[in-house]
Amino acid sequence: MALRRRAGVTYEPSGDATVILDADGTVMTTLNPIGSVIWRALDGQRDAAALARDLVAGFNGVAVDELEADIRDFVATLAASDLIDID
């Protein structure tokens, strides 16, 4: 299942963080640096497993299966807030 940022959701990098505004323009979410890396990678082409394989080199000491589980938890939170689509 490919993961992508929802249409109409806007975001702006702010230092190492990312500020997201939902499609209705009513809820602002701030992502930490790790969340920001994952957010930028949500291109609609990859699922959590592919994202983990592609991003694991940037996270020292993290196993790919651990990163995949963390990505799944993170995107579940984003999906519950209507910030991403899972195709």
C-alpha atoms as a PDB file:
ATOM      1  CA  MET A   1       0.000   0.000   0.000  1.00  0.00           C
ATOM      2  CA  ALA A   2       1.611   3.209  -1.195  1.00  0.00           C
ATOM      3  CA  LEU A   3       1.774   6.138   1.208  1.00  0.00           C
ATOM      4  CA  ARG A   4       1.342   9.728   0.058  1.00  0.00           C
ATOM      5  CA  ARG A   5       0.684  13.151   1.487  1.00  0.00           C
ATOM      6  CA  ARG A   6      -3.017  14.067   1.145  1.00  0.00           C
ATOM      7  CA  ALA A   7      -3.950  16.610  -1.513  1.00  0.00           C
ATOM      8  CA  GLY A   8      -4.601  20.018  -0.007  1.00  0.00           C
ATOM      9  CA  VAL A   9      -2.352  19.452   3.001  1.00  0.00           C
ATOM     10  CA  THR A  10       0.346  22.099   3.085  1.00  0.00           C
ATOM     11  CA  TYR A  11       3.678  21.910   4.843  1.00  0.00           C
ATOM     12  CA  GLU A  12       6.719  24.026   5.436  1.00  0.00           C
ATOM     13  CA  PRO A  13      10.138  22.984   6.709  1.00  0.00           C
ATOM     14  CA  SER A  14      11.167  24.936   9.793  1.00  0.00           C
ATOM     15  CA  GLY A  15      14.746  24.158  10.704  1.00  0.00           C
ATOM     16  CA  ASP A  16      14.907  20.410  11.354  1.00  0.00           C
ATOM     17  CA  ALA A  17      11.150  20.266  11.929  1.00  0.00           C
ATOM     18  CA  THR A  18       8.194  20.431   9.540  1.00  0.00           C
ATOM     19  CA  VAL A  19       4.947  22.292  10.132  1.00  0.00           C
ATOM     20  CA  ILE A  20       1.857  20.746   8.511  1.00  0.00           C
ATOM     21  CA  LEU A  21      -1.516  22.410   8.006  1.00  0.00           C
ATOM     22  CA  ASP A  22      -4.447  20.097   7.279  1.00  0.00           C
ATOM     23  CA  ALA A  23      -6.521  20.450   4.107  1.00  0.00           C
ATOM     24  CA  ASP A  24      -9.212  22.445   5.954  1.00  0.00           C
ATOM     25  CA  GLY A  25      -6.605  24.880   7.243  1.00  0.00           C
ATOM     26  CA  THR A  26      -7.708  24.362  10.832  1.00  0.00           C
ATOM     27  CA  VAL A  27      -5.194  21.996  12.443  1.00  0.00           C
ATOM     28  CA  MET A  28      -1.453  22.563  12.572  1.00  0.00           C
ATOM     29  CA  THR A  29       0.920  19.699  13.336  1.00  0.00           C
ATOM     30  CA  THR A  30       4.647  20.003  13.956  1.00  0.00           C
ATOM     31  CA  LEU A  31       6.895  17.065  13.132  1.00  0.00           C
ATOM     32  CA  ASN A  32      10.253  16.424  14.766  1.00  0.00           C
ATOM     33  CA  PRO A  33      13.337  15.830  12.576  1.00  0.00           C
ATOM     34  CA  ILE A  34      12.707  12.091  12.208  1.00  0.00           C
ATOM     35  CA  GLY A  35       9.046  12.607  11.356  1.00  0.00           C
ATOM     36  CA  SER A  36      10.116  15.263   8.866  1.00  0.00           C
ATOM     37  CA  VAL A  37      12.403  12.823   7.037  1.00  0.00           C
ATOM     38  CA  ILE A  38       9.586  10.307   6.752  1.00  0.00           C
ATOM     39  CA  TRP A  39       7.044  12.996   5.744  1.00  0.00           C
ATOM     40  CA  ARG A  40       9.234  14.163   2.861  1.00  0.00           C
ATOM     41  CA  ALA A  41       9.581  10.551   1.675  1.00  0.00           C
ATOM     42  CA  LEU A  42       5.804   9.989   1.378  1.00  0.00           C
ATOM     43  CA  ASP A  43       5.759  10.124  -2.406  1.00  0.00           C
ATOM     44  CA  GLY A  44       2.882   7.762  -3.183  1.00  0.00           C
ATOM     45  CA  GLN A  45       5.277   5.248  -4.701  1.00  0.00           C
ATOM     46  CA  ARG A  46       6.396   3.264  -1.643  1.00  0.00           C
ATOM     47  CA  ASP A  47       4.864   1.394   1.245  1.00  0.00           C
ATOM     48  CA  ALA A  48       6.270   1.313   4.792  1.00  0.00           C
ATOM     49  CA  ALA A  49       8.636  -1.570   4.019  1.00  0.00           C
ATOM     50  CA  ALA A  50      10.117   0.192   0.979  1.00  0.00           C
ATOM     51  CA  LEU A  51      10.449   3.461   2.893  1.00  0.00           C
ATOM     52  CA  ALA A  52      12.267   1.666   5.701  1.00  0.00           C
ATOM     53  CA  ARG A  53      14.692   0.020   3.274  1.00  0.00           C
ATOM     54  CA  ASP A  54      15.353   3.343   1.536  1.00  0.00           C
ATOM     55  CA  LEU A  55      15.739   5.409   4.727  1.00  0.00           C
ATOM     56  CA  VAL A  56      17.486   3.020   7.142  1.00  0.00           C
ATOM     57  CA  ALA A  57      20.986   4.167   6.159  1.00  0.00           C
ATOM     58  CA  GLY A  58      20.183   7.602   7.601  1.00  0.00           C
ATOM     59  CA  PHE A  59      19.363   6.183  11.037  1.00  0.00           C
ATOM     60  CA  ASN A  60      22.462   4.843  12.791  1.00  0.00           C
ATOM     61  CA  GLY A  61      21.923   1.738  14.883  1.00  0.00           C
ATOM     62  CA  VAL A  62      18.348   1.134  13.723  1.00  0.00           C
ATOM     63  CA  ALA A  63      17.394  -2.163  12.103  1.00  0.00           C
ATOM     64  CA  VAL A  64      15.209  -2.027   9.007  1.00  0.00           C
ATOM     65  CA  ASP A  65      12.401  -4.011  10.671  1.00  0.00           C
ATOM     66  CA  GLU A  66      12.405  -1.627  13.650  1.00  0.00           C
ATOM     67  CA  LEU A  67      12.257   1.378  11.333  1.00  0.00           C
ATOM     68  CA  GLU A  68       9.432  -0.210   9.351  1.00  0.00           C
ATOM     69  CA  ALA A  69       7.398  -0.722  12.535  1.00  0.00           C
ATOM     70  CA  ASP A  70       8.043   2.888  13.558  1.00  0.00           C
ATOM     71  CA  ILE A  71       7.004   4.128  10.108  1.00  0.00           C
ATOM     72  CA  ARG A  72       3.794   2.071  10.286  1.00  0.00           C
ATOM     73  CA  ASP A  73       2.936   3.603  13.672  1.00  0.00           C
ATOM     74  CA  PHE A  74       3.778   7.103  12.451  1.00  0.00           C
ATOM     75  CA  VAL A  75       1.713   6.873   9.268  1.00  0.00           C
ATOM     76  CA  ALA A  76      -1.224   5.410  11.196  1.00  0.00           C
ATOM     77  CA  THR A  77      -1.225   8.593  13.288  1.00  0.00           C
ATOM     78  CA  LEU A  78      -0.973  10.754  10.164  1.00  0.00           C
ATOM     79  CA  ALA A  79      -3.800   8.827   8.492  1.00  0.00           C
ATOM     80  CA  ALA A  80      -6.012   9.205  11.569  1.00  0.00           C
ATOM     81  CA  SER A  81      -5.491  12.969  11.272  1.00  0.00           C
ATOM     82  CA  ASP A  82      -6.358  12.899   7.529  1.00  0.00           C
ATOM     83  CA  LEU A  83      -2.888  14.105   6.566  1.00  0.00           C
ATOM     84  CA  ILE A  84      -1.978  11.178   4.299  1.00  0.00           C
ATOM     85  CA  ASP A  85      -3.618   8.695   1.973  1.00  0.00           C
ATOM     86  CA  ILE A  86      -2.837   5.009   1.921  1.00  0.00           C
ATOM     87  CA  ASP A  87      -3.477   3.507  -1.512  1.00  0.00           C
END
